[in-house]
PDB file of N, CA and C in Angstrom:
ATOM      1  N   UNK A   1      28.868 146.556  50.771  1.00  0.00           N
ATOM      2  CA  UNK A   1      29.475 147.721  51.404  1.00  0.00           C
ATOM      3  C   UNK A   1      30.582 147.252  52.342  1.00  0.00           C
ATOM      4  N   UNK A   2      31.691 147.928  52.306  1.00  0.00           N
ATOM      5  CA  UNK A   2      32.828 147.571  53.143  1.00  0.00           C
ATOM      6  C   UNK A   2      32.676 148.153  54.542  1.00  0.00           C
ATOM      7  N   UNK A   3      33.243 147.446  55.529  1.00  0.00           N
ATOM      8  CA  UNK A   3      33.215 147.932  56.918  1.00  0.00           C
ATOM      9  C   UNK A   3      33.909 149.271  57.039  1.00  0.00           C
ATOM     10  N   UNK A   4      34.998 149.440  56.325  1.00  0.00           N
ATOM     11  CA  UNK A   4      35.750 150.696  56.399  1.00  0.00           C
ATOM     12  C   UNK A   4      34.870 151.876  55.994  1.00  0.00           C
ATOM     13  N   UNK A   5      34.071 151.666  54.972  1.00  0.00           N
ATOM     14  CA  UNK A   5      33.178 152.721  54.495  1.00  0.00           C
ATOM     15  C   UNK A   5      32.130 153.066  55.553  1.00  0.00           C
ATOM     16  N   UNK A   6      31.605 152.041  56.239  1.00  0.00           N
ATOM     17  CA  UNK A   6      30.631 152.272  57.297  1.00  0.00           C
ATOM     18  C   UNK A   6      31.278 153.047  58.442  1.00  0.00           C
ATOM     19  N   UNK A   7      32.487 152.653  58.821  1.00  0.00           N
ATOM     20  CA  UNK A   7      33.187 153.345  59.908  1.00  0.00           C
ATOM     21  C   UNK A   7      33.421 154.812  59.569  1.00  0.00           C
ATOM     22  N   UNK A   8      33.609 155.120  58.303  1.00  0.00           N
ATOM     23  CA  UNK A   8      33.820 156.508  57.896  1.00  0.00           C
ATOM     24  C   UNK A   8      32.525 157.325  57.933  1.00  0.00           C
ATOM     25  N   UNK A   9      31.382 156.655  57.833  1.00  0.00           N
ATOM     26  CA  UNK A   9      30.103 157.365  57.866  1.00  0.00           C
ATOM     27  C   UNK A   9      29.694 157.796  59.270  1.00  0.00           C
ATOM     28  N   UNK A  10      30.107 157.025  60.263  1.00  0.00           N
ATOM     29  CA  UNK A  10      29.690 157.281  61.643  1.00  0.00           C
ATOM     30  C   UNK A  10      30.776 158.050  62.377  1.00  0.00           C
ATOM     31  N   UNK A  11      30.367 159.102  63.056  1.00  0.00           N
ATOM     32  CA  UNK A  11      31.282 159.901  63.877  1.00  0.00           C
ATOM     33  C   UNK A  11      31.923 158.985  64.918  1.00  0.00           C
ATOM     34  N   UNK A  12      33.256 158.980  65.036  1.00  0.00           N
ATOM     35  CA  UNK A  12      33.937 158.083  65.981  1.00  0.00           C
ATOM     36  C   UNK A  12      33.468 158.233  67.434  1.00  0.00           C
ATOM     37  N   UNK A  13      32.962 159.393  67.793  1.00  0.00           N
ATOM     38  CA  UNK A  13      32.461 159.589  69.156  1.00  0.00           C
ATOM     39  C   UNK A  13      31.222 158.750  69.429  1.00  0.00           C
ATOM     40  N   UNK A  14      30.607 158.245  68.385  1.00  0.00           N
ATOM     41  CA  UNK A  14      29.340 157.533  68.539  1.00  0.00           C
ATOM     42  C   UNK A  14      29.482 156.017  68.639  1.00  0.00           C
ATOM     43  N   UNK A  15      30.701 155.510  68.607  1.00  0.00           N
ATOM     44  CA  UNK A  15      30.853 154.064  68.747  1.00  0.00           C
ATOM     45  C   UNK A  15      30.417 153.594  70.126  1.00  0.00           C
ATOM     46  N   UNK A  16      30.482 154.463  71.119  1.00  0.00           N
ATOM     47  CA  UNK A  16      29.956 154.127  72.439  1.00  0.00           C
ATOM     48  C   UNK A  16      28.430 154.018  72.377  1.00  0.00           C
ATOM     49  N   UNK A  17      27.794 154.830  71.544  1.00  0.00           N
ATOM     50  CA  UNK A  17      26.344 154.742  71.354  1.00  0.00           C
ATOM     51  C   UNK A  17      26.004 153.416  70.677  1.00  0.00           C
ATOM     52  N   UNK A  18      26.789 153.022  69.698  1.00  0.00           N
ATOM     53  CA  UNK A  18      26.574 151.741  69.022  1.00  0.00           C
ATOM     54  C   UNK A  18      26.666 150.604  70.032  1.00  0.00           C
ATOM     55  N   UNK A  19      27.711 150.625  70.859  1.00  0.00           N
ATOM     56  CA  UNK A  19      27.877 149.573  71.870  1.00  0.00           C
ATOM     57  C   UNK A  19      26.719 149.575  72.868  1.00  0.00           C
ATOM     58  N   UNK A  20      26.312 150.756  73.313  1.00  0.00           N
ATOM     59  CA  UNK A  20      25.200 150.857  74.267  1.00  0.00           C
ATOM     60  C   UNK A  20      23.916 150.318  73.639  1.00  0.00           C
ATOM     61  N   UNK A  21      23.673 150.649  72.383  1.00  0.00           N
ATOM     62  CA  UNK A  21      22.461 150.174  71.707  1.00  0.00           C
ATOM     63  C   UNK A  21      22.489 148.660  71.524  1.00  0.00           C
ATOM     64  N   UNK A  22      23.654 148.116  71.278  1.00  0.00           N
ATOM     65  CA  UNK A  22      23.783 146.671  71.129  1.00  0.00           C
ATOM     66  C   UNK A  22      23.391 145.992  72.444  1.00  0.00           C
ATOM     67  N   UNK A  23      23.892 146.510  73.557  1.00  0.00           N
ATOM     68  CA  UNK A  23      23.571 145.947  74.871  1.00  0.00           C
ATOM     69  C   UNK A  23      22.082 146.130  75.189  1.00  0.00           C
ATOM     70  N   UNK A  24      21.557 147.303  74.912  1.00  0.00           N
ATOM     71  CA  UNK A  24      20.133 147.563  75.166  1.00  0.00           C
ATOM     72  C   UNK A  24      19.265 146.626  74.327  1.00  0.00           C
ATOM     73  N   UNK A  25      19.619 146.450  73.073  1.00  0.00           N
ATOM     74  CA  UNK A  25      18.875 145.529  72.209  1.00  0.00           C
ATOM     75  C   UNK A  25      18.919 144.103  72.728  1.00  0.00           C
ATOM     76  N   UNK A  26      20.080 143.680  73.214  1.00  0.00           N
ATOM     77  CA  UNK A  26      20.223 142.339  73.778  1.00  0.00           C
ATOM     78  C   UNK A  26      19.325 142.180  75.009  1.00  0.00           C
ATOM     79  N   UNK A  27      19.326 143.199  75.876  1.00  0.00           N
ATOM     80  CA  UNK A  27      18.492 143.150  77.084  1.00  0.00           C
ATOM     81  C   UNK A  27      17.005 143.137  76.715  1.00  0.00           C
ATOM     82  N   UNK A  28      16.628 143.923  75.724  1.00  0.00           N
ATOM     83  CA  UNK A  28      15.231 143.947  75.287  1.00  0.00           C
ATOM     84  C   UNK A  28      14.807 142.598  74.717  1.00  0.00           C
ATOM     85  N   UNK A  29      15.716 141.940  74.004  1.00  0.00           N
ATOM     86  CA  UNK A  29      15.424 140.629  73.424  1.00  0.00           C
ATOM     87  C   UNK A  29      15.124 139.608  74.520  1.00  0.00           C
ATOM     88  N   UNK A  30      15.769 139.750  75.657  1.00  0.00           N
ATOM     89  CA  UNK A  30      15.577 138.831  76.784  1.00  0.00           C
ATOM     90  C   UNK A  30      14.368 139.202  77.646  1.00  0.00           C
ATOM     91  N   UNK A  31      13.740 140.339  77.366  1.00  0.00           N
ATOM     92  CA  UNK A  31      12.578 140.791  78.134  1.00  0.00           C
ATOM     93  C   UNK A  31      11.318 140.224  77.492  1.00  0.00           C
ATOM     94  N   UNK A  32      10.584 139.377  78.219  1.00  0.00           N
ATOM     95  CA  UNK A  32       9.422 138.705  77.616  1.00  0.00           C
ATOM     96  C   UNK A  32       8.301 139.643  77.159  1.00  0.00           C
ATOM     97  N   UNK A  33       8.121 140.774  77.792  1.00  0.00           N
ATOM     98  CA  UNK A  33       7.002 141.647  77.453  1.00  0.00           C
ATOM     99  C   UNK A  33       7.283 142.579  76.275  1.00  0.00           C
ATOM    100  N   UNK A  34       8.491 142.531  75.733  1.00  0.00           N
ATOM    101  CA  UNK A  34       8.845 143.385  74.594  1.00  0.00           C
ATOM    102  C   UNK A  34       8.765 142.541  73.324  1.00  0.00           C
ATOM    103  N   UNK A  35       7.930 142.960  72.412  1.00  0.00           N
ATOM    104  CA  UNK A  35       7.785 142.232  71.139  1.00  0.00           C
ATOM    105  C   UNK A  35       9.060 142.382  70.306  1.00  0.00           C
ATOM    106  N   UNK A  36       9.449 141.296  69.654  1.00  0.00           N
ATOM    107  CA  UNK A  36      10.681 141.311  68.848  1.00  0.00           C
ATOM    108  C   UNK A  36      10.660 142.412  67.790  1.00  0.00           C
ATOM    109  N   UNK A  37       9.497 142.612  67.143  1.00  0.00           N
ATOM    110  CA  UNK A  37       9.425 143.604  66.070  1.00  0.00           C
ATOM    111  C   UNK A  37       9.680 145.014  66.570  1.00  0.00           C
ATOM    112  N   UNK A  38       9.431 145.271  67.852  1.00  0.00           N
ATOM    113  CA  UNK A  38       9.580 146.633  68.379  1.00  0.00           C
ATOM    114  C   UNK A  38      11.007 146.975  68.800  1.00  0.00           C
ATOM    115  N   UNK A  39      11.856 145.971  68.930  1.00  0.00           N
ATOM    116  CA  UNK A  39      13.216 146.206  69.418  1.00  0.00           C
ATOM    117  C   UNK A  39      13.983 147.149  68.497  1.00  0.00           C
ATOM    118  N   UNK A  40      13.854 146.968  67.205  1.00  0.00           N
ATOM    119  CA  UNK A  40      14.561 147.821  66.240  1.00  0.00           C
ATOM    120  C   UNK A  40      14.173 149.286  66.431  1.00  0.00           C
ATOM    121  N   UNK A  41      12.891 149.531  66.610  1.00  0.00           N
ATOM    122  CA  UNK A  41      12.419 150.915  66.770  1.00  0.00           C
ATOM    123  C   UNK A  41      12.857 151.511  68.109  1.00  0.00           C
ATOM    124  N   UNK A  42      12.832 150.709  69.149  1.00  0.00           N
ATOM    125  CA  UNK A  42      13.279 151.191  70.459  1.00  0.00           C
ATOM    126  C   UNK A  42      14.765 151.540  70.404  1.00  0.00           C
ATOM    127  N   UNK A  43      15.557 150.660  69.815  1.00  0.00           N
ATOM    128  CA  UNK A  43      16.998 150.913  69.685  1.00  0.00           C
ATOM    129  C   UNK A  43      17.239 152.167  68.850  1.00  0.00           C
ATOM    130  N   UNK A  44      16.490 152.339  67.786  1.00  0.00           N
ATOM    131  CA  UNK A  44      16.637 153.523  66.934  1.00  0.00           C
ATOM    132  C   UNK A  44      16.344 154.807  67.714  1.00  0.00           C
ATOM    133  N   UNK A  45      15.268 154.814  68.466  1.00  0.00           N
ATOM    134  CA  UNK A  45      14.907 156.000  69.249  1.00  0.00           C
ATOM    135  C   UNK A  45      15.962 156.298  70.308  1.00  0.00           C
ATOM    136  N   UNK A  46      16.427 155.273  70.993  1.00  0.00           N
ATOM    137  CA  UNK A  46      17.462 155.475  72.015  1.00  0.00           C
ATOM    138  C   UNK A  46      18.750 155.980  71.381  1.00  0.00           C
ATOM    139  N   UNK A  47      19.098 155.426  70.229  1.00  0.00           N
ATOM    140  CA  UNK A  47      20.310 155.848  69.539  1.00  0.00           C
ATOM    141  C   UNK A  47      20.255 157.319  69.143  1.00  0.00           C
ATOM    142  N   UNK A  48      19.135 157.742  68.590  1.00  0.00           N
ATOM    143  CA  UNK A  48      18.980 159.152  68.202  1.00  0.00           C
ATOM    144  C   UNK A  48      19.038 160.038  69.444  1.00  0.00           C
ATOM    145  N   UNK A  49      18.367 159.625  70.495  1.00  0.00           N
ATOM    146  CA  UNK A  49      18.343 160.390  71.743  1.00  0.00           C
ATOM    147  C   UNK A  49      19.751 160.540  72.326  1.00  0.00           C
ATOM    148  N   UNK A  50      20.511 159.436  72.386  1.00  0.00           N
ATOM    149  CA  UNK A  50      21.875 159.494  72.911  1.00  0.00           C
ATOM    150  C   UNK A  50      22.790 160.345  72.023  1.00  0.00           C
ATOM    151  N   UNK A  51      22.617 160.209  70.722  1.00  0.00           N
ATOM    152  CA  UNK A  51      23.442 160.978  69.790  1.00  0.00           C
ATOM    153  C   UNK A  51      23.173 162.468  69.917  1.00  0.00           C
ATOM    154  N   UNK A  52      21.930 162.853  70.005  1.00  0.00           N
ATOM    155  CA  UNK A  52      21.597 164.266  70.180  1.00  0.00           C
ATOM    156  C   UNK A  52      22.132 164.762  71.520  1.00  0.00           C
ATOM    157  N   UNK A  53      22.106 163.900  72.530  1.00  0.00           N
ATOM    158  CA  UNK A  53      22.683 164.262  73.817  1.00  0.00           C
ATOM    159  C   UNK A  53      24.184 164.502  73.743  1.00  0.00           C
ATOM    160  N   UNK A  54      24.869 163.737  72.908  1.00  0.00           N
ATOM    161  CA  UNK A  54      26.323 163.896  72.770  1.00  0.00           C
ATOM    162  C   UNK A  54      26.717 165.036  71.836  1.00  0.00           C
ATOM    163  N   UNK A  55      26.012 165.150  70.710  1.00  0.00           N
ATOM    164  CA  UNK A  55      26.420 166.099  69.672  1.00  0.00           C
ATOM    165  C   UNK A  55      25.608 167.388  69.660  1.00  0.00           C
ATOM    166  N   UNK A  56      24.463 167.396  70.369  1.00  0.00           N
ATOM    167  CA  UNK A  56      23.569 168.545  70.286  1.00  0.00           C
ATOM    168  C   UNK A  56      22.601 168.362  69.132  1.00  0.00           C
ATOM    169  N   UNK A  57      21.523 169.141  69.158  1.00  0.00           N
ATOM    170  CA  UNK A  57      20.499 168.979  68.137  1.00  0.00           C
ATOM    171  C   UNK A  57      20.943 169.553  66.795  1.00  0.00           C
ATOM    172  N   UNK A  58      20.867 168.747  65.769  1.00  0.00           N
ATOM    173  CA  UNK A  58      21.081 169.170  64.388  1.00  0.00           C
ATOM    174  C   UNK A  58      20.588 168.048  63.484  1.00  0.00           C
ATOM    175  N   UNK A  59      20.419 168.358  62.235  1.00  0.00           N
ATOM    176  CA  UNK A  59      20.017 167.330  61.275  1.00  0.00           C
ATOM    177  C   UNK A  59      21.114 166.272  61.174  1.00  0.00           C
ATOM    178  N   UNK A  60      22.364 166.711  61.216  1.00  0.00           N
ATOM    179  CA  UNK A  60      23.474 165.760  61.165  1.00  0.00           C
ATOM    180  C   UNK A  60      23.433 164.806  62.354  1.00  0.00           C
ATOM    181  N   UNK A  61      23.135 165.317  63.554  1.00  0.00           N
ATOM    182  CA  UNK A  61      23.041 164.458  64.733  1.00  0.00           C
ATOM    183  C   UNK A  61      21.909 163.445  64.570  1.00  0.00           C
ATOM    184  N   UNK A  62      20.806 163.865  63.995  1.00  0.00           N
ATOM    185  CA  UNK A  62      19.693 162.966  63.745  1.00  0.00           C
ATOM    186  C   UNK A  62      20.114 161.836  62.796  1.00  0.00           C
ATOM    187  N   UNK A  63      20.782 162.199  61.724  1.00  0.00           N
ATOM    188  CA  UNK A  63      21.251 161.207  60.750  1.00  0.00           C
ATOM    189  C   UNK A  63      22.296 160.294  61.385  1.00  0.00           C
ATOM    190  N   UNK A  64      23.212 160.862  62.154  1.00  0.00           N
ATOM    191  CA  UNK A  64      24.232 160.064  62.829  1.00  0.00           C
ATOM    192  C   UNK A  64      23.590 159.087  63.823  1.00  0.00           C
ATOM    193  N   UNK A  65      22.544 159.528  64.517  1.00  0.00           N
ATOM    194  CA  UNK A  65      21.836 158.644  65.445  1.00  0.00           C
ATOM    195  C   UNK A  65      21.183 157.480  64.730  1.00  0.00           C
ATOM    196  N   UNK A  66      20.586 157.764  63.586  1.00  0.00           N
ATOM    197  CA  UNK A  66      19.969 156.703  62.792  1.00  0.00           C
ATOM    198  C   UNK A  66      21.037 155.724  62.306  1.00  0.00           C
ATOM    199  N   UNK A  67      22.164 156.244  61.835  1.00  0.00           N
ATOM    200  CA  UNK A  67      23.253 155.373  61.386  1.00  0.00           C
ATOM    201  C   UNK A  67      23.811 154.523  62.521  1.00  0.00           C
ATOM    202  N   UNK A  68      23.987 155.120  63.693  1.00  0.00           N
ATOM    203  CA  UNK A  68      24.523 154.379  64.838  1.00  0.00           C
ATOM    204  C   UNK A  68      23.553 153.268  65.246  1.00  0.00           C
ATOM    205  N   UNK A  69      22.256 153.569  65.291  1.00  0.00           N
ATOM    206  CA  UNK A  69      21.268 152.545  65.627  1.00  0.00           C
ATOM    207  C   UNK A  69      21.231 151.426  64.601  1.00  0.00           C
ATOM    208  N   UNK A  70      21.279 151.799  63.329  1.00  0.00           N
ATOM    209  CA  UNK A  70      21.269 150.803  62.252  1.00  0.00           C
ATOM    210  C   UNK A  70      22.525 149.939  62.309  1.00  0.00           C
ATOM    211  N   UNK A  71      23.656 150.548  62.627  1.00  0.00           N
ATOM    212  CA  UNK A  71      24.910 149.807  62.722  1.00  0.00           C
ATOM    213  C   UNK A  71      24.851 148.811  63.879  1.00  0.00           C
ATOM    214  N   UNK A  72      24.237 149.192  64.985  1.00  0.00           N
ATOM    215  CA  UNK A  72      24.097 148.290  66.124  1.00  0.00           C
ATOM    216  C   UNK A  72      23.226 147.086  65.764  1.00  0.00           C
ATOM    217  N   UNK A  73      22.099 147.337  65.113  1.00  0.00           N
ATOM    218  CA  UNK A  73      21.197 146.255  64.715  1.00  0.00           C
ATOM    219  C   UNK A  73      21.864 145.370  63.664  1.00  0.00           C
ATOM    220  N   UNK A  74      22.511 145.993  62.687  1.00  0.00           N
ATOM    221  CA  UNK A  74      23.200 145.235  61.646  1.00  0.00           C
ATOM    222  C   UNK A  74      24.309 144.373  62.240  1.00  0.00           C
ATOM    223  N   UNK A  75      25.081 144.947  63.143  1.00  0.00           N
ATOM    224  CA  UNK A  75      26.176 144.204  63.776  1.00  0.00           C
ATOM    225  C   UNK A  75      25.669 143.001  64.540  1.00  0.00           C
ATOM    226  N   UNK A  76      24.586 143.184  65.287  1.00  0.00           N
ATOM    227  CA  UNK A  76      24.009 142.065  66.030  1.00  0.00           C
ATOM    228  C   UNK A  76      23.545 140.966  65.079  1.00  0.00           C
ATOM    229  N   UNK A  77      22.851 141.350  64.024  1.00  0.00           N
ATOM    230  CA  UNK A  77      22.349 140.364  63.071  1.00  0.00           C
ATOM    231  C   UNK A  77      23.489 139.640  62.349  1.00  0.00           C
ATOM    232  N   UNK A  78      24.552 140.349  62.027  1.00  0.00           N
ATOM    233  CA  UNK A  78      25.696 139.724  61.358  1.00  0.00           C
ATOM    234  C   UNK A  78      26.317 138.656  62.254  1.00  0.00           C
ATOM    235  N   UNK A  79      26.496 138.977  63.521  1.00  0.00           N
ATOM    236  CA  UNK A  79      27.067 138.009  64.468  1.00  0.00           C
ATOM    237  C   UNK A  79      26.106 136.830  64.646  1.00  0.00           C
ATOM    238  N   UNK A  80      24.835 137.126  64.846  1.00  0.00           N
ATOM    239  CA  UNK A  80      23.838 136.078  65.067  1.00  0.00           C
ATOM    240  C   UNK A  80      23.756 135.123  63.873  1.00  0.00           C
ATOM    241  N   UNK A  81      23.686 135.673  62.677  1.00  0.00           N
ATOM    242  CA  UNK A  81      23.573 134.837  61.481  1.00  0.00           C
ATOM    243  C   UNK A  81      24.834 134.007  61.252  1.00  0.00           C
ATOM    244  N   UNK A  82      25.992 134.573  61.563  1.00  0.00           N
ATOM    245  CA  UNK A  82      27.248 133.829  61.413  1.00  0.00           C
ATOM    246  C   UNK A  82      27.291 132.657  62.381  1.00  0.00           C
ATOM    247  N   UNK A  83      26.907 132.902  63.627  1.00  0.00           N
ATOM    248  CA  UNK A  83      26.900 131.820  64.619  1.00  0.00           C
ATOM    249  C   UNK A  83      25.913 130.724  64.211  1.00  0.00           C
ATOM    250  N   UNK A  84      24.746 131.116  63.748  1.00  0.00           N
ATOM    251  CA  UNK A  84      23.766 130.125  63.307  1.00  0.00           C
ATOM    252  C   UNK A  84      24.268 129.338  62.107  1.00  0.00           C
ATOM    253  N   UNK A  85      24.972 129.978  61.202  1.00  0.00           N
ATOM    254  CA  UNK A  85      25.490 129.290  60.013  1.00  0.00           C
ATOM    255  C   UNK A  85      26.570 128.281  60.385  1.00  0.00           C
ATOM    256  N   UNK A  86      27.323 128.593  61.429  1.00  0.00           N
ATOM    257  CA  UNK A  86      28.399 127.691  61.855  1.00  0.00           C
ATOM    258  C   UNK A  86      27.834 126.515  62.647  1.00  0.00           C
ATOM    259  N   UNK A  87      26.611 126.651  63.128  1.00  0.00           N
ATOM    260  CA  UNK A  87      25.974 125.519  63.786  1.00  0.00           C
ATOM    261  C   UNK A  87      25.637 125.738  65.248  1.00  0.00           C
ATOM    262  N   UNK A  88      25.962 126.887  65.796  1.00  0.00           N
ATOM    263  CA  UNK A  88      25.619 127.167  67.185  1.00  0.00           C
ATOM    264  C   UNK A  88      24.258 127.830  67.250  1.00  0.00           C
ATOM    265  N   UNK A  89      23.845 128.154  68.448  1.00  0.00           N
ATOM    266  CA  UNK A  89      22.598 128.905  68.601  1.00  0.00           C
ATOM    267  C   UNK A  89      22.876 130.157  69.375  1.00  0.00           C
ATOM    268  N   UNK A  90      22.237 131.239  68.988  1.00  0.00           N
ATOM    269  CA  UNK A  90      22.444 132.535  69.639  1.00  0.00           C
ATOM    270  C   UNK A  90      21.137 133.303  69.598  1.00  0.00           C
ATOM    271  N   UNK A  91      20.821 134.012  70.644  1.00  0.00           N
ATOM    272  CA  UNK A  91      19.625 134.853  70.684  1.00  0.00           C
ATOM    273  C   UNK A  91      19.995 136.274  70.680  1.00  0.00           C
TER     274      UNK A  91
END
């Protein structure tokens, strides 16, 4: 899937939600009491909540929130895996 196609799926107003979720996920990763497996779900819930707050309640807002959360997690993993492949370490 091309990045351009992903950008077209997500409402441009929600890129701030993507950025916020990326930061929240990073902070959760550094929190010892939060299990790694739960971070994805926490980010997803926060993303949906923020999206509904911005766009109002609708099925589209729910879907957009899920997409924004998934994009944040995917973006983090893409950066992390690239850095690891090049030989650095990243958490």
